[in-house]
Amino acid sequence: MKVNGIKITIYTELFKSVKAQFDKEGIEIPFPHRTIVMKKDKNENNDKASLEN
């Protein structure tokens, strides 16, 4: 029985067709970005970055 394989094929084809239509219409879905800035602690004498505030 290949039910899981058929499901994967259906989902893959569905996502491909949705992606193709989005590309055709110029629709983009952004994903979240996070920028992490590590600052050196003013009281620290070594080169380790501090993550605590």
PDB file of N, CA and C in Angstrom:
ATOM      1  N   MET A   1       0.845  -1.193   0.000  1.00  0.00           N
ATOM      2  CA  MET A   1       0.000   0.000   0.000  1.00  0.00           C
ATOM      3  C   MET A   1       0.880   1.244   0.000  1.00  0.00           C
ATOM      4  N   LYS A   2       0.676   2.129  -0.932  1.00  0.00           N
ATOM      5  CA  LYS A   2       1.522   3.307  -1.091  1.00  0.00           C
ATOM      6  C   LYS A   2       0.766   4.595  -0.802  1.00  0.00           C
ATOM      7  N   VAL A   3       0.001   4.592   0.269  1.00  0.00           N
ATOM      8  CA  VAL A   3      -0.809   5.764   0.605  1.00  0.00           C
ATOM      9  C   VAL A   3       0.082   6.963   0.929  1.00  0.00           C
ATOM     10  N   ASN A   4       1.113   6.754   1.737  1.00  0.00           N
ATOM     11  CA  ASN A   4       1.987   7.872   2.114  1.00  0.00           C
ATOM     12  C   ASN A   4       2.709   8.446   0.901  1.00  0.00           C
ATOM     13  N   GLY A   5       3.173   7.606   0.006  1.00  0.00           N
ATOM     14  CA  GLY A   5       3.838   8.077  -1.201  1.00  0.00           C
ATOM     15  C   GLY A   5       2.908   8.896  -2.079  1.00  0.00           C
ATOM     16  N   ILE A   6       1.655   8.461  -2.160  1.00  0.00           N
ATOM     17  CA  ILE A   6       0.663   9.203  -2.953  1.00  0.00           C
ATOM     18  C   ILE A   6       0.375  10.554  -2.308  1.00  0.00           C
ATOM     19  N   LYS A   7       0.258  10.573  -0.979  1.00  0.00           N
ATOM     20  CA  LYS A   7       0.016  11.834  -0.264  1.00  0.00           C
ATOM     21  C   LYS A   7       1.160  12.809  -0.496  1.00  0.00           C
ATOM     22  N   ILE A   8       2.385  12.315  -0.402  1.00  0.00           N
ATOM     23  CA  ILE A   8       3.550  13.179  -0.605  1.00  0.00           C
ATOM     24  C   ILE A   8       3.543  13.733  -2.025  1.00  0.00           C
ATOM     25  N   THR A   9       3.226  12.900  -2.996  1.00  0.00           N
ATOM     26  CA  THR A   9       3.176  13.340  -4.391  1.00  0.00           C
ATOM     27  C   THR A   9       2.106  14.406  -4.585  1.00  0.00           C
ATOM     28  N   ILE A  10       0.952  14.211  -3.992  1.00  0.00           N
ATOM     29  CA  ILE A  10      -0.140  15.185  -4.113  1.00  0.00           C
ATOM     30  C   ILE A  10       0.266  16.518  -3.484  1.00  0.00           C
ATOM     31  N   TYR A  11       0.815  16.471  -2.253  1.00  0.00           N
ATOM     32  CA  TYR A  11       1.246  17.701  -1.586  1.00  0.00           C
ATOM     33  C   TYR A  11       2.335  18.407  -2.395  1.00  0.00           C
ATOM     34  N   THR A  12       3.286  17.647  -2.910  1.00  0.00           N
ATOM     35  CA  THR A  12       4.371  18.234  -3.702  1.00  0.00           C
ATOM     36  C   THR A  12       3.821  18.931  -4.942  1.00  0.00           C
ATOM     37  N   GLU A  13       2.932  18.274  -5.650  1.00  0.00           N
ATOM     38  CA  GLU A  13       2.350  18.877  -6.850  1.00  0.00           C
ATOM     39  C   GLU A  13       1.502  20.097  -6.508  1.00  0.00           C
ATOM     40  N   LEU A  14       0.789  20.033  -5.398  1.00  0.00           N
ATOM     41  CA  LEU A  14      -0.012  21.176  -4.953  1.00  0.00           C
ATOM     42  C   LEU A  14       0.887  22.380  -4.664  1.00  0.00           C
ATOM     43  N   PHE A  15       1.952  22.156  -3.877  1.00  0.00           N
ATOM     44  CA  PHE A  15       2.858  23.247  -3.539  1.00  0.00           C
ATOM     45  C   PHE A  15       3.563  23.803  -4.766  1.00  0.00           C
ATOM     46  N   LYS A  16       3.926  22.941  -5.699  1.00  0.00           N
ATOM     47  CA  LYS A  16       4.558  23.404  -6.934  1.00  0.00           C
ATOM     48  C   LYS A  16       3.606  24.298  -7.733  1.00  0.00           C
ATOM     49  N   SER A  17       2.342  23.899  -7.809  1.00  0.00           N
ATOM     50  CA  SER A  17       1.387  24.694  -8.577  1.00  0.00           C
ATOM     51  C   SER A  17       1.084  26.025  -7.885  1.00  0.00           C
ATOM     52  N   VAL A  18       1.004  26.018  -6.573  1.00  0.00           N
ATOM     53  CA  VAL A  18       0.780  27.265  -5.826  1.00  0.00           C
ATOM     54  C   VAL A  18       1.987  28.185  -6.008  1.00  0.00           C
ATOM     55  N   LYS A  19       3.190  27.630  -5.889  1.00  0.00           N
ATOM     56  CA  LYS A  19       4.415  28.424  -6.078  1.00  0.00           C
ATOM     57  C   LYS A  19       4.475  29.006  -7.483  1.00  0.00           C
ATOM     58  N   ALA A  20       4.142  28.219  -8.486  1.00  0.00           N
ATOM     59  CA  ALA A  20       4.166  28.698  -9.864  1.00  0.00           C
ATOM     60  C   ALA A  20       3.168  29.844 -10.058  1.00  0.00           C
ATOM     61  N   GLN A  21       1.983  29.717  -9.480  1.00  0.00           N
ATOM     62  CA  GLN A  21       0.978  30.771  -9.603  1.00  0.00           C
ATOM     63  C   GLN A  21       1.426  32.038  -8.862  1.00  0.00           C
ATOM     64  N   PHE A  22       2.001  31.877  -7.670  1.00  0.00           N
ATOM     65  CA  PHE A  22       2.512  33.033  -6.932  1.00  0.00           C
ATOM     66  C   PHE A  22       3.596  33.734  -7.737  1.00  0.00           C
ATOM     67  N   ASP A  23       4.514  32.968  -8.320  1.00  0.00           N
ATOM     68  CA  ASP A  23       5.572  33.558  -9.140  1.00  0.00           C
ATOM     69  C   ASP A  23       4.980  34.310 -10.331  1.00  0.00           C
ATOM     70  N   LYS A  24       3.978  33.732 -10.947  1.00  0.00           N
ATOM     71  CA  LYS A  24       3.328  34.359 -12.096  1.00  0.00           C
ATOM     72  C   LYS A  24       2.691  35.693 -11.711  1.00  0.00           C
ATOM     73  N   GLU A  25       2.111  35.744 -10.520  1.00  0.00           N
ATOM     74  CA  GLU A  25       1.433  36.957 -10.045  1.00  0.00           C
ATOM     75  C   GLU A  25       2.376  37.927  -9.332  1.00  0.00           C
ATOM     76  N   GLY A  26       3.617  37.518  -9.137  1.00  0.00           N
ATOM     77  CA  GLY A  26       4.585  38.377  -8.448  1.00  0.00           C
ATOM     78  C   GLY A  26       4.392  38.434  -6.951  1.00  0.00           C
ATOM     79  N   ILE A  27       3.805  37.405  -6.388  1.00  0.00           N
ATOM     80  CA  ILE A  27       3.540  37.364  -4.949  1.00  0.00           C
ATOM     81  C   ILE A  27       4.727  36.713  -4.251  1.00  0.00           C
ATOM     82  N   GLU A  28       5.241  37.399  -3.220  1.00  0.00           N
ATOM     83  CA  GLU A  28       6.319  36.862  -2.410  1.00  0.00           C
ATOM     84  C   GLU A  28       5.855  36.802  -0.964  1.00  0.00           C
ATOM     85  N   ILE A  29       6.217  35.741  -0.276  1.00  0.00           N
ATOM     86  CA  ILE A  29       5.887  35.610   1.138  1.00  0.00           C
ATOM     87  C   ILE A  29       7.193  35.732   1.914  1.00  0.00           C
ATOM     88  N   PRO A  30       7.360  36.838   2.644  1.00  0.00           N
ATOM     89  CA  PRO A  30       8.605  37.027   3.394  1.00  0.00           C
ATOM     90  C   PRO A  30       8.649  36.110   4.617  1.00  0.00           C
ATOM     91  N   PHE A  31       9.836  35.794   5.030  1.00  0.00           N
ATOM     92  CA  PHE A  31       9.996  35.048   6.260  1.00  0.00           C
ATOM     93  C   PHE A  31      10.714  35.939   7.262  1.00  0.00           C
ATOM     94  N   PRO A  32      10.482  35.717   8.548  1.00  0.00           N
ATOM     95  CA  PRO A  32      11.058  36.601   9.557  1.00  0.00           C
ATOM     96  C   PRO A  32      12.585  36.532   9.585  1.00  0.00           C
ATOM     97  N   HIS A  33      13.210  37.682   9.810  1.00  0.00           N
ATOM     98  CA  HIS A  33      14.654  37.767   9.946  1.00  0.00           C
ATOM     99  C   HIS A  33      14.957  38.300  11.342  1.00  0.00           C
ATOM    100  N   ARG A  34      16.042  37.854  11.898  1.00  0.00           N
ATOM    101  CA  ARG A  34      16.469  38.369  13.194  1.00  0.00           C
ATOM    102  C   ARG A  34      17.952  38.691  13.101  1.00  0.00           C
ATOM    103  N   THR A  35      18.306  39.891  13.521  1.00  0.00           N
ATOM    104  CA  THR A  35      19.698  40.297  13.540  1.00  0.00           C
ATOM    105  C   THR A  35      20.166  40.300  14.988  1.00  0.00           C
ATOM    106  N   ILE A  36      21.247  39.604  15.243  1.00  0.00           N
ATOM    107  CA  ILE A  36      21.797  39.546  16.592  1.00  0.00           C
ATOM    108  C   ILE A  36      23.097  40.334  16.604  1.00  0.00           C
ATOM    109  N   VAL A  37      23.161  41.303  17.517  1.00  0.00           N
ATOM    110  CA  VAL A  37      24.361  42.123  17.661  1.00  0.00           C
ATOM    111  C   VAL A  37      24.964  41.811  19.015  1.00  0.00           C
ATOM    112  N   MET A  38      26.203  41.367  18.996  1.00  0.00           N
ATOM    113  CA  MET A  38      26.891  41.053  20.250  1.00  0.00           C
ATOM    114  C   MET A  38      27.812  42.215  20.597  1.00  0.00           C
ATOM    115  N   LYS A  39      27.594  42.769  21.766  1.00  0.00           N
ATOM    116  CA  LYS A  39      28.390  43.910  22.209  1.00  0.00           C
ATOM    117  C   LYS A  39      29.323  43.470  23.332  1.00  0.00           C
ATOM    118  N   LYS A  40      30.467  44.078  23.354  1.00  0.00           N
ATOM    119  CA  LYS A  40      31.427  43.787  24.410  1.00  0.00           C
ATOM    120  C   LYS A  40      31.014  44.539  25.675  1.00  0.00           C
ATOM    121  N   ASP A  41      31.060  43.846  26.795  1.00  0.00           N
ATOM    122  CA  ASP A  41      30.721  44.452  28.081  1.00  0.00           C
ATOM    123  C   ASP A  41      31.780  45.486  28.446  1.00  0.00           C
ATOM    124  N   LYS A  42      31.356  46.673  28.836  1.00  0.00           N
ATOM    125  CA  LYS A  42      32.291  47.751  29.160  1.00  0.00           C
ATOM    126  C   LYS A  42      33.161  47.404  30.368  1.00  0.00           C
ATOM    127  N   ASN A  43      32.635  46.608  31.292  1.00  0.00           N
ATOM    128  CA  ASN A  43      33.369  46.266  32.498  1.00  0.00           C
ATOM    129  C   ASN A  43      34.262  45.040  32.318  1.00  0.00           C
ATOM    130  N   GLU A  44      34.174  44.398  31.189  1.00  0.00           N
ATOM    131  CA  GLU A  44      34.910  43.172  30.948  1.00  0.00           C
ATOM    132  C   GLU A  44      36.257  43.504  30.305  1.00  0.00           C
ATOM    133  N   ASN A  45      37.316  42.909  30.777  1.00  0.00           N
ATOM    134  CA  ASN A  45      38.647  43.195  30.255  1.00  0.00           C
ATOM    135  C   ASN A  45      39.086  42.230  29.163  1.00  0.00           C
ATOM    136  N   ASN A  46      38.394  41.124  29.003  1.00  0.00           N
ATOM    137  CA  ASN A  46      38.807  40.162  27.971  1.00  0.00           C
ATOM    138  C   ASN A  46      37.989  40.370  26.702  1.00  0.00           C
ATOM    139  N   ASP A  47      38.240  39.551  25.697  1.00  0.00           N
ATOM    140  CA  ASP A  47      37.610  39.726  24.391  1.00  0.00           C
ATOM    141  C   ASP A  47      36.296  38.971  24.226  1.00  0.00           C
ATOM    142  N   LYS A  48      35.764  38.366  25.272  1.00  0.00           N
ATOM    143  CA  LYS A  48      34.517  37.625  25.161  1.00  0.00           C
ATOM    144  C   LYS A  48      33.337  38.592  25.045  1.00  0.00           C
ATOM    145  N   ALA A  49      32.408  38.263  24.158  1.00  0.00           N
ATOM    146  CA  ALA A  49      31.200  39.076  24.006  1.00  0.00           C
ATOM    147  C   ALA A  49      30.217  38.683  25.111  1.00  0.00           C
ATOM    148  N   SER A  50      29.489  39.631  25.597  1.00  0.00           N
ATOM    149  CA  SER A  50      28.523  39.385  26.656  1.00  0.00           C
ATOM    150  C   SER A  50      27.120  39.398  26.073  1.00  0.00           C
ATOM    151  N   LEU A  51      26.303  38.412  26.435  1.00  0.00           N
ATOM    152  CA  LEU A  51      24.927  38.349  25.982  1.00  0.00           C
ATOM    153  C   LEU A  51      23.971  38.923  27.016  1.00  0.00           C
ATOM    154  N   GLU A  52      24.456  39.237  28.194  1.00  0.00           N
ATOM    155  CA  GLU A  52      23.595  39.768  29.252  1.00  0.00           C
ATOM    156  C   GLU A  52      23.527  41.275  29.175  1.00  0.00           C
ATOM    157  N   ASN A  53      22.371  41.816  29.561  1.00  0.00           N
ATOM    158  CA  ASN A  53      22.213  43.281  29.591  1.00  0.00           C
ATOM    159  C   ASN A  53      22.525  43.816  30.952  1.00  0.00           C
TER     160      ASN A  53
END
